[in-house]
Amino acid sequence: MKKSGSLIAVALLLSLAGGQAQATVFAAWQVTGVSWGDTLNVRKYPANHSQKQTAYPNGTVLQMTGRCTGGVDLFDIARQSEWRQKQAVRYSWCEVWHDPRRNGQFVTGWVYGRYIAPAD
């Protein structure tokens, strides 16, 4: 994958819903810019006062659903430069798909866009 432009990794998640398998495509972004020794909180809803689900340090690759507040769609901006992508989400909350308890039960949560960037 090239560093500039689209750094989209495709992950297929197969889940059974009503007996039918469904595939979902995710964008890989990583945690970046968090102060040394700190972590990025994942919240239940896109707000600072929302319940904290878990937290991840710099360098952690997150599976993004593509949806962000303010109408930003990570898949729509994927072909832009990394700098433009980071600017597009800077003041948005973006939805992640993750396993905060590491027990195989994935849920959605929200991270603040200022601290994520397209994965290398």
N, C-alpha and C. Protein backbone atom coordinates (compact mmCIF):
# COMPACT_ATOMS: atom_id res chain seq x y z
N MET A 1 0.84 -1.18 0.00
CA MET A 1 0.00 0.00 0.00
C MET A 1 0.88 1.24 0.00
N LYS A 2 0.49 2.25 -0.71
CA LYS A 2 1.27 3.48 -0.70
C LYS A 2 0.81 4.36 0.45
N LYS A 3 1.78 5.15 0.99
CA LYS A 3 1.50 5.96 2.17
C LYS A 3 0.52 7.09 1.88
N SER A 4 0.71 7.82 0.78
CA SER A 4 -0.22 8.91 0.48
C SER A 4 -1.44 8.35 -0.23
N GLY A 5 -2.50 9.11 -0.18
CA GLY A 5 -3.72 8.64 -0.82
C GLY A 5 -4.47 7.67 0.06
N SER A 6 -5.13 6.77 -0.55
CA SER A 6 -5.98 5.83 0.18
C SER A 6 -5.16 4.79 0.89
N LEU A 7 -5.33 4.71 2.19
CA LEU A 7 -4.68 3.67 2.98
C LEU A 7 -5.78 2.83 3.62
N ILE A 8 -6.61 2.33 2.78
CA ILE A 8 -7.76 1.56 3.25
C ILE A 8 -7.39 0.08 3.26
N ALA A 9 -7.54 -0.52 4.39
CA ALA A 9 -7.40 -1.97 4.49
C ALA A 9 -8.81 -2.54 4.57
N VAL A 10 -9.02 -3.57 3.85
CA VAL A 10 -10.35 -4.15 3.84
C VAL A 10 -10.36 -5.36 4.77
N ALA A 11 -11.29 -5.33 5.69
CA ALA A 11 -11.47 -6.46 6.60
C ALA A 11 -12.88 -6.97 6.42
N LEU A 12 -13.03 -8.24 6.29
CA LEU A 12 -14.37 -8.80 6.17
C LEU A 12 -14.75 -9.40 7.51
N LEU A 13 -15.89 -8.97 7.98
CA LEU A 13 -16.41 -9.50 9.23
C LEU A 13 -17.67 -10.25 8.90
N LEU A 14 -17.65 -11.54 9.15
CA LEU A 14 -18.83 -12.34 8.86
C LEU A 14 -19.59 -12.56 10.16
N SER A 15 -20.85 -12.21 10.14
CA SER A 15 -21.67 -12.42 11.32
C SER A 15 -22.99 -13.05 10.88
N LEU A 16 -23.55 -13.81 11.74
CA LEU A 16 -24.83 -14.43 11.44
C LEU A 16 -25.93 -13.54 11.97
N ALA A 17 -26.84 -13.18 11.11
CA ALA A 17 -27.99 -12.35 11.50
C ALA A 17 -29.23 -12.99 10.90
N GLY A 18 -30.00 -13.58 11.75
CA GLY A 18 -31.20 -14.25 11.27
C GLY A 18 -30.90 -15.39 10.33
N GLY A 19 -29.75 -16.07 10.54
CA GLY A 19 -29.41 -17.22 9.72
C GLY A 19 -28.70 -16.86 8.43
N GLN A 20 -28.50 -15.56 8.15
CA GLN A 20 -27.82 -15.15 6.93
C GLN A 20 -26.49 -14.51 7.27
N ALA A 21 -25.46 -14.83 6.50
CA ALA A 21 -24.15 -14.23 6.70
C ALA A 21 -24.13 -12.85 6.05
N GLN A 22 -23.55 -11.90 6.74
CA GLN A 22 -23.42 -10.55 6.21
C GLN A 22 -21.95 -10.16 6.25
N ALA A 23 -21.46 -9.52 5.21
CA ALA A 23 -20.08 -9.04 5.17
C ALA A 23 -20.10 -7.52 5.27
N THR A 24 -19.18 -6.99 6.05
CA THR A 24 -19.07 -5.55 6.23
C THR A 24 -17.63 -5.15 5.93
N VAL A 25 -17.45 -4.03 5.25
CA VAL A 25 -16.12 -3.53 4.92
C VAL A 25 -15.76 -2.43 5.90
N PHE A 26 -14.54 -2.47 6.40
CA PHE A 26 -14.07 -1.47 7.35
C PHE A 26 -12.84 -0.75 6.80
N ALA A 27 -12.62 0.46 7.28
CA ALA A 27 -11.43 1.22 6.96
C ALA A 27 -10.48 1.15 8.15
N ALA A 28 -9.20 0.90 7.92
CA ALA A 28 -8.23 0.83 8.99
C ALA A 28 -7.60 2.21 9.22
N TRP A 29 -7.80 2.74 10.40
CA TRP A 29 -7.16 3.98 10.83
C TRP A 29 -6.43 3.67 12.12
N GLN A 30 -5.47 4.51 12.48
CA GLN A 30 -4.72 4.25 13.70
C GLN A 30 -4.75 5.43 14.65
N VAL A 31 -4.54 5.11 15.92
CA VAL A 31 -4.48 6.14 16.95
C VAL A 31 -3.16 6.88 16.81
N THR A 32 -3.21 8.21 16.84
CA THR A 32 -2.01 9.03 16.69
C THR A 32 -2.21 10.37 17.39
N GLY A 33 -1.12 10.96 17.84
CA GLY A 33 -1.18 12.30 18.41
C GLY A 33 -1.65 12.38 19.85
N VAL A 34 -1.82 11.22 20.50
CA VAL A 34 -2.20 11.22 21.91
C VAL A 34 -0.94 11.49 22.73
N SER A 35 -1.06 12.27 23.77
CA SER A 35 0.10 12.61 24.62
C SER A 35 0.78 11.35 25.14
N TRP A 36 2.09 11.45 25.33
CA TRP A 36 2.88 10.32 25.83
C TRP A 36 2.28 9.81 27.14
N GLY A 37 2.10 8.51 27.23
CA GLY A 37 1.56 7.89 28.43
C GLY A 37 0.05 7.95 28.53
N ASP A 38 -0.62 8.56 27.56
CA ASP A 38 -2.07 8.69 27.58
C ASP A 38 -2.67 7.74 26.54
N THR A 39 -3.98 7.65 26.51
CA THR A 39 -4.68 6.79 25.56
C THR A 39 -5.89 7.52 24.98
N LEU A 40 -6.37 7.02 23.86
CA LEU A 40 -7.56 7.57 23.21
C LEU A 40 -8.78 6.81 23.72
N ASN A 41 -9.71 7.53 24.31
CA ASN A 41 -10.94 6.91 24.81
C ASN A 41 -11.89 6.58 23.68
N VAL A 42 -12.51 5.42 23.78
CA VAL A 42 -13.61 5.06 22.89
C VAL A 42 -14.87 5.20 23.71
N ARG A 43 -15.81 6.00 23.20
CA ARG A 43 -17.04 6.31 23.92
C ARG A 43 -18.24 5.59 23.29
N LYS A 44 -19.25 5.37 24.09
CA LYS A 44 -20.46 4.69 23.61
C LYS A 44 -21.20 5.55 22.57
N TYR A 45 -21.23 6.85 22.79
CA TYR A 45 -21.86 7.80 21.89
C TYR A 45 -20.86 8.90 21.54
N PRO A 46 -21.06 9.66 20.47
CA PRO A 46 -20.10 10.69 20.06
C PRO A 46 -20.18 11.96 20.92
N ALA A 47 -19.71 11.85 22.16
CA ALA A 47 -19.69 13.00 23.08
C ALA A 47 -18.69 12.72 24.21
N ASN A 48 -18.02 13.78 24.66
CA ASN A 48 -17.03 13.64 25.74
C ASN A 48 -17.62 13.09 27.03
N HIS A 49 -18.88 13.39 27.30
CA HIS A 49 -19.50 12.96 28.54
C HIS A 49 -20.11 11.55 28.45
N SER A 50 -20.03 10.92 27.28
CA SER A 50 -20.59 9.59 27.10
C SER A 50 -19.74 8.53 27.82
N GLN A 51 -20.37 7.41 28.10
CA GLN A 51 -19.70 6.31 28.79
C GLN A 51 -18.46 5.85 28.03
N LYS A 52 -17.35 5.68 28.76
CA LYS A 52 -16.11 5.19 28.17
C LYS A 52 -16.19 3.67 28.05
N GLN A 53 -15.91 3.15 26.85
CA GLN A 53 -15.91 1.71 26.63
C GLN A 53 -14.54 1.11 26.89
N THR A 54 -13.52 1.76 26.40
CA THR A 54 -12.14 1.32 26.55
C THR A 54 -11.24 2.45 26.05
N ALA A 55 -9.94 2.20 26.01
CA ALA A 55 -8.99 3.21 25.52
C ALA A 55 -7.83 2.50 24.82
N TYR A 56 -7.24 3.17 23.83
CA TYR A 56 -6.15 2.58 23.06
C TYR A 56 -4.99 3.56 22.96
N PRO A 57 -3.74 3.04 22.99
CA PRO A 57 -2.56 3.91 22.87
C PRO A 57 -2.24 4.25 21.42
N ASN A 58 -1.33 5.20 21.22
CA ASN A 58 -0.83 5.54 19.88
C ASN A 58 -0.38 4.28 19.16
N GLY A 59 -0.65 4.23 17.87
CA GLY A 59 -0.22 3.11 17.05
C GLY A 59 -1.24 1.99 16.92
N THR A 60 -2.25 1.99 17.78
CA THR A 60 -3.28 0.95 17.70
C THR A 60 -4.09 1.14 16.41
N VAL A 61 -4.24 0.08 15.64
CA VAL A 61 -5.04 0.14 14.43
C VAL A 61 -6.49 -0.14 14.80
N LEU A 62 -7.37 0.76 14.38
CA LEU A 62 -8.79 0.66 14.67
C LEU A 62 -9.55 0.31 13.39
N GLN A 63 -10.58 -0.47 13.53
CA GLN A 63 -11.45 -0.78 12.40
C GLN A 63 -12.60 0.22 12.42
N MET A 64 -12.62 1.11 11.46
CA MET A 64 -13.60 2.17 11.38
C MET A 64 -14.77 1.74 10.51
N THR A 65 -15.99 2.09 10.92
CA THR A 65 -17.16 1.77 10.11
C THR A 65 -17.27 2.67 8.89
N GLY A 66 -16.56 3.79 8.92
CA GLY A 66 -16.61 4.76 7.82
C GLY A 66 -17.47 5.96 8.15
N ARG A 67 -18.28 5.84 9.17
CA ARG A 67 -19.23 6.91 9.53
C ARG A 67 -18.64 7.85 10.57
N CYS A 68 -18.74 9.14 10.31
CA CYS A 68 -18.31 10.18 11.25
C CYS A 68 -19.40 11.23 11.36
N THR A 69 -19.39 11.97 12.46
CA THR A 69 -20.36 13.05 12.62
C THR A 69 -20.04 14.14 11.60
N GLY A 70 -21.01 15.01 11.37
CA GLY A 70 -20.83 16.10 10.41
C GLY A 70 -20.92 15.65 8.97
N GLY A 71 -21.39 14.42 8.74
CA GLY A 71 -21.56 13.94 7.38
C GLY A 71 -20.30 13.44 6.71
N VAL A 72 -19.21 13.28 7.46
CA VAL A 72 -17.96 12.79 6.89
C VAL A 72 -18.05 11.28 6.75
N ASP A 73 -17.67 10.77 5.58
CA ASP A 73 -17.63 9.34 5.31
C ASP A 73 -16.19 9.00 4.94
N LEU A 74 -15.55 8.13 5.72
CA LEU A 74 -14.15 7.80 5.49
C LEU A 74 -13.91 7.19 4.11
N PHE A 75 -14.88 6.47 3.59
CA PHE A 75 -14.73 5.86 2.27
C PHE A 75 -14.80 6.91 1.16
N ASP A 76 -15.56 7.98 1.38
CA ASP A 76 -15.65 9.06 0.39
C ASP A 76 -14.36 9.87 0.31
N ILE A 77 -13.62 9.96 1.41
CA ILE A 77 -12.40 10.78 1.43
C ILE A 77 -11.13 9.94 1.27
N ALA A 78 -11.27 8.63 1.07
CA ALA A 78 -10.14 7.71 1.05
C ALA A 78 -9.09 8.02 -0.01
N ARG A 79 -9.46 8.60 -1.12
CA ARG A 79 -8.49 8.88 -2.18
C ARG A 79 -7.77 10.21 -2.00
N GLN A 80 -8.14 10.96 -1.00
CA GLN A 80 -7.47 12.23 -0.72
C GLN A 80 -6.14 11.96 -0.01
N SER A 81 -5.29 12.97 0.04
CA SER A 81 -4.01 12.82 0.73
C SER A 81 -4.27 12.56 2.21
N GLU A 82 -3.30 11.97 2.88
CA GLU A 82 -3.44 11.69 4.31
C GLU A 82 -3.74 12.97 5.08
N TRP A 83 -3.06 14.07 4.73
CA TRP A 83 -3.28 15.34 5.42
C TRP A 83 -4.74 15.78 5.27
N ARG A 84 -5.28 15.70 4.06
CA ARG A 84 -6.67 16.11 3.83
C ARG A 84 -7.65 15.21 4.58
N GLN A 85 -7.35 13.92 4.64
CA GLN A 85 -8.22 13.01 5.39
C GLN A 85 -8.22 13.38 6.87
N LYS A 86 -7.03 13.64 7.41
CA LYS A 86 -6.94 14.02 8.83
C LYS A 86 -7.69 15.32 9.10
N GLN A 87 -7.59 16.27 8.18
CA GLN A 87 -8.31 17.54 8.36
C GLN A 87 -9.82 17.34 8.28
N ALA A 88 -10.26 16.43 7.44
CA ALA A 88 -11.70 16.19 7.27
C ALA A 88 -12.34 15.65 8.54
N VAL A 89 -11.58 14.88 9.33
CA VAL A 89 -12.15 14.28 10.55
C VAL A 89 -11.72 15.01 11.82
N ARG A 90 -10.90 16.02 11.71
CA ARG A 90 -10.28 16.67 12.88
C ARG A 90 -11.28 17.05 13.98
N TYR A 91 -12.43 17.55 13.63
CA TYR A 91 -13.41 17.99 14.63
C TYR A 91 -14.67 17.12 14.62
N SER A 92 -14.53 15.89 14.17
CA SER A 92 -15.65 14.95 14.11
C SER A 92 -15.41 13.80 15.08
N TRP A 93 -16.48 13.10 15.38
CA TRP A 93 -16.40 11.83 16.08
C TRP A 93 -16.58 10.76 15.01
N CYS A 94 -15.76 9.70 15.06
CA CYS A 94 -15.85 8.64 14.07
C CYS A 94 -16.12 7.31 14.76
N GLU A 95 -16.94 6.50 14.09
CA GLU A 95 -17.39 5.25 14.69
C GLU A 95 -16.39 4.11 14.44
N VAL A 96 -16.12 3.36 15.48
CA VAL A 96 -15.23 2.20 15.40
C VAL A 96 -16.01 0.93 15.71
N TRP A 97 -15.47 -0.18 15.22
CA TRP A 97 -16.01 -1.51 15.50
C TRP A 97 -14.91 -2.22 16.27
N HIS A 98 -15.16 -2.56 17.52
CA HIS A 98 -14.08 -3.10 18.34
C HIS A 98 -14.60 -4.08 19.39
N ASP A 99 -13.65 -4.73 20.05
CA ASP A 99 -13.93 -5.73 21.08
C ASP A 99 -13.30 -5.26 22.38
N PRO A 100 -13.95 -4.34 23.09
CA PRO A 100 -13.32 -3.73 24.26
C PRO A 100 -12.99 -4.70 25.39
N ARG A 101 -13.72 -5.78 25.51
CA ARG A 101 -13.45 -6.76 26.58
C ARG A 101 -12.61 -7.93 26.10
N ARG A 102 -12.30 -7.93 24.81
CA ARG A 102 -11.51 -9.00 24.19
C ARG A 102 -12.11 -10.37 24.46
N ASN A 103 -13.43 -10.43 24.29
CA ASN A 103 -14.15 -11.68 24.51
C ASN A 103 -14.91 -12.15 23.27
N GLY A 104 -14.62 -11.53 22.12
CA GLY A 104 -15.28 -11.91 20.89
C GLY A 104 -16.62 -11.23 20.64
N GLN A 105 -17.00 -10.33 21.55
CA GLN A 105 -18.27 -9.62 21.38
C GLN A 105 -17.98 -8.19 20.93
N PHE A 106 -18.04 -7.99 19.62
CA PHE A 106 -17.72 -6.69 19.04
C PHE A 106 -18.90 -5.73 19.18
N VAL A 107 -18.58 -4.47 19.40
CA VAL A 107 -19.57 -3.41 19.53
C VAL A 107 -19.06 -2.19 18.77
N THR A 108 -19.95 -1.23 18.57
CA THR A 108 -19.51 0.04 17.99
C THR A 108 -19.26 1.03 19.12
N GLY A 109 -18.38 1.96 18.85
CA GLY A 109 -18.07 3.04 19.77
C GLY A 109 -17.60 4.23 18.95
N TRP A 110 -17.22 5.31 19.63
CA TRP A 110 -16.84 6.54 18.93
C TRP A 110 -15.52 7.08 19.47
N VAL A 111 -14.65 7.55 18.55
CA VAL A 111 -13.40 8.19 18.91
C VAL A 111 -13.37 9.59 18.30
N TYR A 112 -12.63 10.48 18.95
CA TYR A 112 -12.53 11.85 18.45
C TYR A 112 -11.52 11.89 17.31
N GLY A 113 -11.92 12.45 16.18
CA GLY A 113 -11.13 12.44 14.97
C GLY A 113 -9.76 13.08 15.03
N ARG A 114 -9.56 13.98 15.96
CA ARG A 114 -8.26 14.65 16.07
C ARG A 114 -7.13 13.66 16.35
N TYR A 115 -7.48 12.50 16.90
CA TYR A 115 -6.46 11.55 17.33
C TYR A 115 -6.42 10.28 16.50
N ILE A 116 -6.89 10.35 15.26
CA ILE A 116 -6.78 9.20 14.36
C ILE A 116 -6.26 9.66 13.01
N ALA A 117 -5.65 8.71 12.30
CA ALA A 117 -5.12 8.97 10.96
C ALA A 117 -5.18 7.67 10.16
N PRO A 118 -5.20 7.77 8.84
CA PRO A 118 -5.20 6.55 8.03
C PRO A 118 -4.02 5.67 8.41
N ALA A 119 -4.25 4.37 8.52
CA ALA A 119 -3.19 3.42 8.90
C ALA A 119 -2.17 3.27 7.77
N ASP A 120 -0.93 3.03 8.16
CA ASP A 120 0.14 2.82 7.19
C ASP A 120 0.04 1.48 6.54
